[in-house]
Amino acid sequence: MDEKDVVKELYLHIGNGGVSFGVARDKHNRPMVTVRASHFGQITNGMELLTNVPTLIELGEMFLAAAKDGGFGEKEYVYAAKPLEPVVEGAVGQEEN
């Protein structure tokens, strides 16, 4: 899959790797849910799942509902996977990733 086919993507970083969740287009312009795991910059696992727009909406609503109504505790796990912010070249006070 080419990067230009990715519509939206979010990379959750933890330790020396992470997981990328995304939505992309296949060669027939159909939506795909993509999941890729990486470690030390190397893709270790991944999948592309053809789906449809109503399912994408349902997935989004599921995540929103879980975040709002999931009853999660106040304390966050110290090593929780979080979005990785890119390093902006020349930025002051930004640590290297």
PDB file of N, CA and C in Angstrom:
ATOM      1  N   MET A   1       0.843  -1.175   0.000  1.00  0.00           N
ATOM      2  CA  MET A   1       0.000   0.000   0.000  1.00  0.00           C
ATOM      3  C   MET A   1       0.888   1.238   0.000  1.00  0.00           C
ATOM      4  N   ASP A   2       0.603   2.172  -0.873  1.00  0.00           N
ATOM      5  CA  ASP A   2       1.345   3.421  -0.934  1.00  0.00           C
ATOM      6  C   ASP A   2       0.842   4.385   0.121  1.00  0.00           C
ATOM      7  N   GLU A   3       1.744   5.267   0.611  1.00  0.00           N
ATOM      8  CA  GLU A   3       1.348   6.250   1.612  1.00  0.00           C
ATOM      9  C   GLU A   3       0.230   7.153   1.102  1.00  0.00           C
ATOM     10  N   LYS A   4       0.202   7.433  -0.196  1.00  0.00           N
ATOM     11  CA  LYS A   4      -0.822   8.327  -0.740  1.00  0.00           C
ATOM     12  C   LYS A   4      -2.230   7.734  -0.609  1.00  0.00           C
ATOM     13  N   ASP A   5      -2.329   6.439  -0.387  1.00  0.00           N
ATOM     14  CA  ASP A   5      -3.624   5.789  -0.244  1.00  0.00           C
ATOM     15  C   ASP A   5      -4.194   5.910   1.170  1.00  0.00           C
ATOM     16  N   VAL A   6      -3.371   6.362   2.122  1.00  0.00           N
ATOM     17  CA  VAL A   6      -3.815   6.494   3.507  1.00  0.00           C
ATOM     18  C   VAL A   6      -4.669   7.749   3.636  1.00  0.00           C
ATOM     19  N   VAL A   7      -5.883   7.594   4.176  1.00  0.00           N
ATOM     20  CA  VAL A   7      -6.784   8.724   4.383  1.00  0.00           C
ATOM     21  C   VAL A   7      -6.499   9.363   5.735  1.00  0.00           C
ATOM     22  N   LYS A   8      -6.490   8.566   6.784  1.00  0.00           N
ATOM     23  CA  LYS A   8      -6.169   9.003   8.148  1.00  0.00           C
ATOM     24  C   LYS A   8      -5.427   7.882   8.845  1.00  0.00           C
ATOM     25  N   GLU A   9      -4.503   8.274   9.746  1.00  0.00           N
ATOM     26  CA  GLU A   9      -3.725   7.275  10.458  1.00  0.00           C
ATOM     27  C   GLU A   9      -3.302   7.837  11.811  1.00  0.00           C
ATOM     28  N   LEU A  10      -3.234   6.962  12.804  1.00  0.00           N
ATOM     29  CA  LEU A  10      -2.772   7.346  14.129  1.00  0.00           C
ATOM     30  C   LEU A  10      -1.809   6.275  14.621  1.00  0.00           C
ATOM     31  N   TYR A  11      -0.613   6.721  14.992  1.00  0.00           N
ATOM     32  CA  TYR A  11       0.407   5.808  15.485  1.00  0.00           C
ATOM     33  C   TYR A  11       0.482   5.936  17.001  1.00  0.00           C
ATOM     34  N   LEU A  12       0.270   4.843  17.704  1.00  0.00           N
ATOM     35  CA  LEU A  12       0.385   4.814  19.162  1.00  0.00           C
ATOM     36  C   LEU A  12       1.724   4.190  19.521  1.00  0.00           C
ATOM     37  N   HIS A  13       2.554   4.972  20.200  1.00  0.00           N
ATOM     38  CA  HIS A  13       3.919   4.567  20.518  1.00  0.00           C
ATOM     39  C   HIS A  13       4.011   4.059  21.952  1.00  0.00           C
ATOM     40  N   ILE A  14       4.757   2.981  22.137  1.00  0.00           N
ATOM     41  CA  ILE A  14       5.035   2.466  23.472  1.00  0.00           C
ATOM     42  C   ILE A  14       6.381   1.760  23.430  1.00  0.00           C
ATOM     43  N   GLY A  15       7.250   2.125  24.342  1.00  0.00           N
ATOM     44  CA  GLY A  15       8.572   1.503  24.381  1.00  0.00           C
ATOM     45  C   GLY A  15       9.350   1.765  23.102  1.00  0.00           C
ATOM     46  N   ASN A  16       9.801   0.718  22.458  1.00  0.00           N
ATOM     47  CA  ASN A  16      10.582   0.835  21.225  1.00  0.00           C
ATOM     48  C   ASN A  16       9.775   0.476  19.982  1.00  0.00           C
ATOM     49  N   GLY A  17       8.457   0.578  20.083  1.00  0.00           N
ATOM     50  CA  GLY A  17       7.619   0.242  18.940  1.00  0.00           C
ATOM     51  C   GLY A  17       6.251   0.844  19.111  1.00  0.00           C
ATOM     52  N   GLY A  18       5.308   0.277  18.409  1.00  0.00           N
ATOM     53  CA  GLY A  18       3.952   0.767  18.521  1.00  0.00           C
ATOM     54  C   GLY A  18       3.049   0.154  17.477  1.00  0.00           C
ATOM     55  N   VAL A  19       1.833   0.695  17.422  1.00  0.00           N
ATOM     56  CA  VAL A  19       0.825   0.199  16.497  1.00  0.00           C
ATOM     57  C   VAL A  19       0.210   1.383  15.776  1.00  0.00           C
ATOM     58  N   SER A  20       0.051   1.245  14.486  1.00  0.00           N
ATOM     59  CA  SER A  20      -0.566   2.268  13.651  1.00  0.00           C
ATOM     60  C   SER A  20      -1.946   1.785  13.227  1.00  0.00           C
ATOM     61  N   PHE A  21      -2.970   2.590  13.519  1.00  0.00           N
ATOM     62  CA  PHE A  21      -4.334   2.306  13.094  1.00  0.00           C
ATOM     63  C   PHE A  21      -4.678   3.312  12.007  1.00  0.00           C
ATOM     64  N   GLY A  22      -5.272   2.842  10.929  1.00  0.00           N
ATOM     65  CA  GLY A  22      -5.570   3.778   9.855  1.00  0.00           C
ATOM     66  C   GLY A  22      -6.741   3.366   8.998  1.00  0.00           C
ATOM     67  N   VAL A  23      -7.083   4.299   8.126  1.00  0.00           N
ATOM     68  CA  VAL A  23      -8.079   4.062   7.088  1.00  0.00           C
ATOM     69  C   VAL A  23      -7.413   4.438   5.774  1.00  0.00           C
ATOM     70  N   ALA A  24      -7.518   3.557   4.808  1.00  0.00           N
ATOM     71  CA  ALA A  24      -6.886   3.777   3.506  1.00  0.00           C
ATOM     72  C   ALA A  24      -7.861   3.394   2.398  1.00  0.00           C
ATOM     73  N   ARG A  25      -7.457   3.685   1.166  1.00  0.00           N
ATOM     74  CA  ARG A  25      -8.233   3.289  -0.013  1.00  0.00           C
ATOM     75  C   ARG A  25      -7.502   2.155  -0.718  1.00  0.00           C
ATOM     76  N   ASP A  26      -8.241   1.154  -1.189  1.00  0.00           N
ATOM     77  CA  ASP A  26      -7.615   0.133  -2.021  1.00  0.00           C
ATOM     78  C   ASP A  26      -7.581   0.651  -3.461  1.00  0.00           C
ATOM     79  N   LYS A  27      -7.097  -0.164  -4.384  1.00  0.00           N
ATOM     80  CA  LYS A  27      -6.950   0.299  -5.770  1.00  0.00           C
ATOM     81  C   LYS A  27      -8.280   0.571  -6.462  1.00  0.00           C
ATOM     82  N   HIS A  28      -9.375   0.132  -5.856  1.00  0.00           N
ATOM     83  CA  HIS A  28     -10.713   0.397  -6.414  1.00  0.00           C
ATOM     84  C   HIS A  28     -11.438   1.488  -5.633  1.00  0.00           C
ATOM     85  N   ASN A  29     -10.680   2.228  -4.807  1.00  0.00           N
ATOM     86  CA  ASN A  29     -11.209   3.338  -4.012  1.00  0.00           C
ATOM     87  C   ASN A  29     -12.190   2.889  -2.930  1.00  0.00           C
ATOM     88  N   ARG A  30     -12.049   1.645  -2.466  1.00  0.00           N
ATOM     89  CA  ARG A  30     -12.877   1.123  -1.377  1.00  0.00           C
ATOM     90  C   ARG A  30     -12.136   1.334  -0.058  1.00  0.00           C
ATOM     91  N   PRO A  31     -12.878   1.558   1.058  1.00  0.00           N
ATOM     92  CA  PRO A  31     -12.204   1.787   2.339  1.00  0.00           C
ATOM     93  C   PRO A  31     -11.641   0.501   2.946  1.00  0.00           C
ATOM     94  N   MET A  32     -10.479   0.670   3.582  1.00  0.00           N
ATOM     95  CA  MET A  32      -9.832  -0.418   4.303  1.00  0.00           C
ATOM     96  C   MET A  32      -9.435   0.085   5.680  1.00  0.00           C
ATOM     97  N   VAL A  33      -9.620  -0.743   6.685  1.00  0.00           N
ATOM     98  CA  VAL A  33      -9.057  -0.486   8.006  1.00  0.00           C
ATOM     99  C   VAL A  33      -7.679  -1.139   8.001  1.00  0.00           C
ATOM    100  N   THR A  34      -6.669  -0.380   8.415  1.00  0.00           N
ATOM    101  CA  THR A  34      -5.306  -0.915   8.433  1.00  0.00           C
ATOM    102  C   THR A  34      -4.774  -0.921   9.856  1.00  0.00           C
ATOM    103  N   VAL A  35      -4.019  -1.963  10.182  1.00  0.00           N
ATOM    104  CA  VAL A  35      -3.358  -2.065  11.481  1.00  0.00           C
ATOM    105  C   VAL A  35      -1.951  -2.583  11.214  1.00  0.00           C
ATOM    106  N   ARG A  36      -0.952  -1.868  11.736  1.00  0.00           N
ATOM    107  CA  ARG A  36       0.432  -2.299  11.554  1.00  0.00           C
ATOM    108  C   ARG A  36       1.168  -2.163  12.881  1.00  0.00           C
ATOM    109  N   ALA A  37       1.868  -3.204  13.261  1.00  0.00           N
ATOM    110  CA  ALA A  37       2.698  -3.173  14.462  1.00  0.00           C
ATOM    111  C   ALA A  37       4.162  -3.071  14.029  1.00  0.00           C
ATOM    112  N   SER A  38       4.932  -2.298  14.783  1.00  0.00           N
ATOM    113  CA  SER A  38       6.344  -2.161  14.455  1.00  0.00           C
ATOM    114  C   SER A  38       7.185  -2.187  15.726  1.00  0.00           C
ATOM    115  N   HIS A  39       8.433  -2.557  15.561  1.00  0.00           N
ATOM    116  CA  HIS A  39       9.375  -2.601  16.667  1.00  0.00           C
ATOM    117  C   HIS A  39      10.723  -2.164  16.115  1.00  0.00           C
ATOM    118  N   PHE A  40      11.338  -1.168  16.752  1.00  0.00           N
ATOM    119  CA  PHE A  40      12.607  -0.613  16.271  1.00  0.00           C
ATOM    120  C   PHE A  40      12.524  -0.232  14.795  1.00  0.00           C
ATOM    121  N   GLY A  41      11.392   0.312  14.367  1.00  0.00           N
ATOM    122  CA  GLY A  41      11.239   0.800  13.001  1.00  0.00           C
ATOM    123  C   GLY A  41      10.918  -0.260  11.968  1.00  0.00           C
ATOM    124  N   GLN A  42      10.823  -1.510  12.350  1.00  0.00           N
ATOM    125  CA  GLN A  42      10.533  -2.586  11.405  1.00  0.00           C
ATOM    126  C   GLN A  42       9.102  -3.080  11.606  1.00  0.00           C
ATOM    127  N   ILE A  43       8.345  -3.212  10.529  1.00  0.00           N
ATOM    128  CA  ILE A  43       6.980  -3.719  10.627  1.00  0.00           C
ATOM    129  C   ILE A  43       7.049  -5.191  11.004  1.00  0.00           C
ATOM    130  N   THR A  44       6.382  -5.544  12.095  1.00  0.00           N
ATOM    131  CA  THR A  44       6.403  -6.918  12.578  1.00  0.00           C
ATOM    132  C   THR A  44       5.104  -7.662  12.286  1.00  0.00           C
ATOM    133  N   ASN A  45       4.027  -6.921  12.071  1.00  0.00           N
ATOM    134  CA  ASN A  45       2.740  -7.541  11.797  1.00  0.00           C
ATOM    135  C   ASN A  45       1.819  -6.493  11.201  1.00  0.00           C
ATOM    136  N   GLY A  46       0.851  -6.922  10.437  1.00  0.00           N
ATOM    137  CA  GLY A  46      -0.095  -5.964   9.883  1.00  0.00           C
ATOM    138  C   GLY A  46      -1.230  -6.641   9.159  1.00  0.00           C
ATOM    139  N   MET A  47      -2.283  -5.860   8.974  1.00  0.00           N
ATOM    140  CA  MET A  47      -3.415  -6.370   8.206  1.00  0.00           C
ATOM    141  C   MET A  47      -4.155  -5.219   7.558  1.00  0.00           C
ATOM    142  N   GLU A  48      -4.823  -5.510   6.473  1.00  0.00           N
ATOM    143  CA  GLU A  48      -5.689  -4.572   5.768  1.00  0.00           C
ATOM    144  C   GLU A  48      -7.038  -5.258   5.625  1.00  0.00           C
ATOM    145  N   LEU A  49      -8.067  -4.616   6.134  1.00  0.00           N
ATOM    146  CA  LEU A  49      -9.389  -5.215   6.163  1.00  0.00           C
ATOM    147  C   LEU A  49     -10.344  -4.365   5.335  1.00  0.00           C
ATOM    148  N   LEU A  50     -10.784  -4.885   4.175  1.00  0.00           N
ATOM    149  CA  LEU A  50     -11.762  -4.161   3.364  1.00  0.00           C
ATOM    150  C   LEU A  50     -13.068  -4.034   4.126  1.00  0.00           C
ATOM    151  N   THR A  51     -13.674  -2.850   4.072  1.00  0.00           N
ATOM    152  CA  THR A  51     -14.906  -2.606   4.801  1.00  0.00           C
ATOM    153  C   THR A  51     -15.777  -1.643   4.007  1.00  0.00           C
ATOM    154  N   ASN A  52     -16.694  -0.960   4.683  1.00  0.00           N
ATOM    155  CA  ASN A  52     -17.547   0.021   4.012  1.00  0.00           C
ATOM    156  C   ASN A  52     -17.717   1.233   4.918  1.00  0.00           C
ATOM    157  N   VAL A  53     -18.300   2.303   4.381  1.00  0.00           N
ATOM    158  CA  VAL A  53     -18.449   3.547   5.130  1.00  0.00           C
ATOM    159  C   VAL A  53     -19.300   3.371   6.390  1.00  0.00           C
ATOM    160  N   PRO A  54     -20.449   2.686   6.341  1.00  0.00           N
ATOM    161  CA  PRO A  54     -21.214   2.523   7.578  1.00  0.00           C
ATOM    162  C   PRO A  54     -20.417   1.836   8.693  1.00  0.00           C
ATOM    163  N   THR A  55     -19.560   0.901   8.343  1.00  0.00           N
ATOM    164  CA  THR A  55     -18.743   0.223   9.350  1.00  0.00           C
ATOM    165  C   THR A  55     -17.690   1.167   9.920  1.00  0.00           C
ATOM    166  N   LEU A  56     -17.101   2.027   9.077  1.00  0.00           N
ATOM    167  CA  LEU A  56     -16.154   3.020   9.587  1.00  0.00           C
ATOM    168  C   LEU A  56     -16.833   3.938  10.599  1.00  0.00           C
ATOM    169  N   ILE A  57     -18.052   4.351  10.300  1.00  0.00           N
ATOM    170  CA  ILE A  57     -18.807   5.205  11.212  1.00  0.00           C
ATOM    171  C   ILE A  57     -19.070   4.471  12.524  1.00  0.00           C
ATOM    172  N   GLU A  58     -19.467   3.211  12.426  1.00  0.00           N
ATOM    173  CA  GLU A  58     -19.746   2.423  13.630  1.00  0.00           C
ATOM    174  C   GLU A  58     -18.490   2.242  14.482  1.00  0.00           C
ATOM    175  N   LEU A  59     -17.357   2.007  13.842  1.00  0.00           N
ATOM    176  CA  LEU A  59     -16.095   1.894  14.587  1.00  0.00           C
ATOM    177  C   LEU A  59     -15.770   3.189  15.319  1.00  0.00           C
ATOM    178  N   GLY A  60     -15.922   4.316  14.626  1.00  0.00           N
ATOM    179  CA  GLY A  60     -15.664   5.609  15.257  1.00  0.00           C
ATOM    180  C   GLY A  60     -16.572   5.849  16.439  1.00  0.00           C
ATOM    181  N   GLU A  61     -17.857   5.543  16.268  1.00  0.00           N
ATOM    182  CA  GLU A  61     -18.822   5.720  17.352  1.00  0.00           C
ATOM    183  C   GLU A  61     -18.516   4.797  18.525  1.00  0.00           C
ATOM    184  N   MET A  62     -18.033   3.588  18.235  1.00  0.00           N
ATOM    185  CA  MET A  62     -17.676   2.653  19.290  1.00  0.00           C
ATOM    186  C   MET A  62     -16.551   3.218  20.153  1.00  0.00           C
ATOM    187  N   PHE A  63     -15.489   3.740  19.522  1.00  0.00           N
ATOM    188  CA  PHE A  63     -14.372   4.311  20.268  1.00  0.00           C
ATOM    189  C   PHE A  63     -14.803   5.527  21.081  1.00  0.00           C
ATOM    190  N   LEU A  64     -15.631   6.380  20.502  1.00  0.00           N
ATOM    191  CA  LEU A  64     -16.119   7.559  21.225  1.00  0.00           C
ATOM    192  C   LEU A  64     -16.960   7.157  22.432  1.00  0.00           C
ATOM    193  N   ALA A  65     -17.865   6.220  22.236  1.00  0.00           N
ATOM    194  CA  ALA A  65     -18.726   5.779  23.335  1.00  0.00           C
ATOM    195  C   ALA A  65     -17.904   5.134  24.446  1.00  0.00           C
ATOM    196  N   ALA A  66     -16.916   4.338  24.076  1.00  0.00           N
ATOM    197  CA  ALA A  66     -16.073   3.692  25.085  1.00  0.00           C
ATOM    198  C   ALA A  66     -15.286   4.735  25.871  1.00  0.00           C
ATOM    199  N   ALA A  67     -14.782   5.762  25.189  1.00  0.00           N
ATOM    200  CA  ALA A  67     -14.013   6.804  25.868  1.00  0.00           C
ATOM    201  C   ALA A  67     -14.884   7.607  26.828  1.00  0.00           C
ATOM    202  N   LYS A  68     -16.113   7.878  26.430  1.00  0.00           N
ATOM    203  CA  LYS A  68     -17.011   8.700  27.243  1.00  0.00           C
ATOM    204  C   LYS A  68     -17.702   7.906  28.342  1.00  0.00           C
ATOM    205  N   ASP A  69     -18.121   6.698  28.047  1.00  0.00           N
ATOM    206  CA  ASP A  69     -18.983   5.942  28.957  1.00  0.00           C
ATOM    207  C   ASP A  69     -18.360   4.649  29.469  1.00  0.00           C
ATOM    208  N   GLY A  70     -17.081   4.450  29.229  1.00  0.00           N
ATOM    209  CA  GLY A  70     -16.445   3.185  29.588  1.00  0.00           C
ATOM    210  C   GLY A  70     -16.194   2.991  31.067  1.00  0.00           C
ATOM    211  N   GLY A  71     -16.349   4.049  31.855  1.00  0.00           N
ATOM    212  CA  GLY A  71     -16.137   3.921  33.290  1.00  0.00           C
ATOM    213  C   GLY A  71     -14.695   3.636  33.668  1.00  0.00           C
ATOM    214  N   PHE A  72     -13.763   4.143  32.857  1.00  0.00           N
ATOM    215  CA  PHE A  72     -12.348   3.909  33.141  1.00  0.00           C
ATOM    216  C   PHE A  72     -11.915   4.706  34.357  1.00  0.00           C
ATOM    217  N   GLY A  73     -10.968   4.159  35.118  1.00  0.00           N
ATOM    218  CA  GLY A  73     -10.466   4.821  36.318  1.00  0.00           C
ATOM    219  C   GLY A  73      -9.711   6.104  35.996  1.00  0.00           C
ATOM    220  N   GLU A  74      -9.464   6.866  37.018  1.00  0.00           N
ATOM    221  CA  GLU A  74      -8.766   8.151  36.875  1.00  0.00           C
ATOM    222  C   GLU A  74      -7.283   7.981  36.577  1.00  0.00           C
ATOM    223  N   LYS A  75      -6.676   6.927  37.139  1.00  0.00           N
ATOM    224  CA  LYS A  75      -5.230   6.756  36.985  1.00  0.00           C
ATOM    225  C   LYS A  75      -4.905   6.121  35.640  1.00  0.00           C
ATOM    226  N   GLU A  76      -3.987   6.758  34.946  1.00  0.00           N
ATOM    227  CA  GLU A  76      -3.544   6.248  33.652  1.00  0.00           C
ATOM    228  C   GLU A  76      -2.342   5.337  33.864  1.00  0.00           C
ATOM    229  N   TYR A  77      -2.290   4.237  33.132  1.00  0.00           N
ATOM    230  CA  TYR A  77      -1.147   3.331  33.183  1.00  0.00           C
ATOM    231  C   TYR A  77       0.100   4.094  32.760  1.00  0.00           C
ATOM    232  N   VAL A  78       1.153   3.993  33.537  1.00  0.00           N
ATOM    233  CA  VAL A  78       2.349   4.786  33.314  1.00  0.00           C
ATOM    234  C   VAL A  78       2.951   4.554  31.918  1.00  0.00           C
ATOM    235  N   TYR A  79       2.818   3.371  31.371  1.00  0.00           N
ATOM    236  CA  TYR A  79       3.367   3.074  30.057  1.00  0.00           C
ATOM    237  C   TYR A  79       2.280   2.997  28.981  1.00  0.00           C
ATOM    238  N   ALA A  80       1.196   3.724  29.173  1.00  0.00           N
ATOM    239  CA  ALA A  80       0.092   3.696  28.205  1.00  0.00           C
ATOM    240  C   ALA A  80       0.589   4.110  26.824  1.00  0.00           C
ATOM    241  N   ALA A  81       0.152   3.388  25.811  1.00  0.00           N
ATOM    242  CA  ALA A  81       0.474   3.759  24.434  1.00  0.00           C
ATOM    243  C   ALA A  81      -0.202   5.087  24.120  1.00  0.00           C
ATOM    244  N   LYS A  82       0.563   6.005  23.542  1.00  0.00           N
ATOM    245  CA  LYS A  82       0.047   7.340  23.228  1.00  0.00           C
ATOM    246  C   LYS A  82       0.486   7.737  21.829  1.00  0.00           C
ATOM    247  N   PRO A  83      -0.257   8.686  21.228  1.00  0.00           N
ATOM    248  CA  PRO A  83       0.157   9.162  19.905  1.00  0.00           C
ATOM    249  C   PRO A  83       1.568   9.743  19.967  1.00  0.00           C
ATOM    250  N   LEU A  84       2.358   9.415  18.990  1.00  0.00           N
ATOM    251  CA  LEU A  84       3.724   9.919  18.906  1.00  0.00           C
ATOM    252  C   LEU A  84       3.701  11.241  18.178  1.00  0.00           C
ATOM    253  N   GLU A  85       4.205  12.284  18.830  1.00  0.00           N
ATOM    254  CA  GLU A  85       4.270  13.585  18.188  1.00  0.00           C
ATOM    255  C   GLU A  85       5.558  13.663  17.386  1.00  0.00           C
ATOM    256  N   PRO A  86       5.460  14.089  16.123  1.00  0.00           N
ATOM    257  CA  PRO A  86       6.667  14.159  15.295  1.00  0.00           C
ATOM    258  C   PRO A  86       7.618  15.249  15.795  1.00  0.00           C
ATOM    259  N   VAL A  87       8.897  14.998  15.615  1.00  0.00           N
ATOM    260  CA  VAL A  87       9.904  16.000  15.959  1.00  0.00           C
ATOM    261  C   VAL A  87       9.950  17.014  14.823  1.00  0.00           C
ATOM    262  N   VAL A  88       9.790  18.291  15.176  1.00  0.00           N
ATOM    263  CA  VAL A  88       9.843  19.353  14.186  1.00  0.00           C
ATOM    264  C   VAL A  88      11.276  19.871  14.149  1.00  0.00           C
ATOM    265  N   GLU A  89      11.898  19.794  12.992  1.00  0.00           N
ATOM    266  CA  GLU A  89      13.286  20.200  12.868  1.00  0.00           C
ATOM    267  C   GLU A  89      13.450  21.668  13.239  1.00  0.00           C
ATOM    268  N   GLY A  90      14.388  21.933  14.131  1.00  0.00           N
ATOM    269  CA  GLY A  90      14.657  23.313  14.547  1.00  0.00           C
ATOM    270  C   GLY A  90      13.787  23.784  15.690  1.00  0.00           C
ATOM    271  N   ALA A  91      12.862  22.954  16.181  1.00  0.00           N
ATOM    272  CA  ALA A  91      11.990  23.363  17.284  1.00  0.00           C
ATOM    273  C   ALA A  91      12.785  23.405  18.584  1.00  0.00           C
ATOM    274  N   VAL A  92      12.487  24.380  19.408  1.00  0.00           N
ATOM    275  CA  VAL A  92      13.179  24.541  20.677  1.00  0.00           C
ATOM    276  C   VAL A  92      12.434  23.791  21.770  1.00  0.00           C
ATOM    277  N   GLY A  93      13.179  23.047  22.603  1.00  0.00           N
ATOM    278  CA  GLY A  93      12.593  22.374  23.751  1.00  0.00           C
ATOM    279  C   GLY A  93      11.900  21.059  23.428  1.00  0.00           C
ATOM    280  N   GLN A  94      12.062  20.570  22.207  1.00  0.00           N
ATOM    281  CA  GLN A  94      11.412  19.315  21.843  1.00  0.00           C
ATOM    282  C   GLN A  94      12.428  18.184  21.928  1.00  0.00           C
ATOM    283  N   GLU A  95      12.058  17.111  22.642  1.00  0.00           N
ATOM    284  CA  GLU A  95      12.953  15.976  22.778  1.00  0.00           C
ATOM    285  C   GLU A  95      12.933  15.127  21.517  1.00  0.00           C
ATOM    286  N   GLU A  96      14.027  14.402  21.296  1.00  0.00           N
ATOM    287  CA  GLU A  96      14.055  13.480  20.163  1.00  0.00           C
ATOM    288  C   GLU A  96      13.168  12.289  20.455  1.00  0.00           C
ATOM    289  N   ASN A  97      12.535  11.751  19.402  1.00  0.00           N
ATOM    290  CA  ASN A  97      11.691  10.557  19.552  1.00  0.00           C
ATOM    291  C   ASN A  97      12.526   9.324  19.389  1.00  0.00           C
TER     292      ASN A  97
END
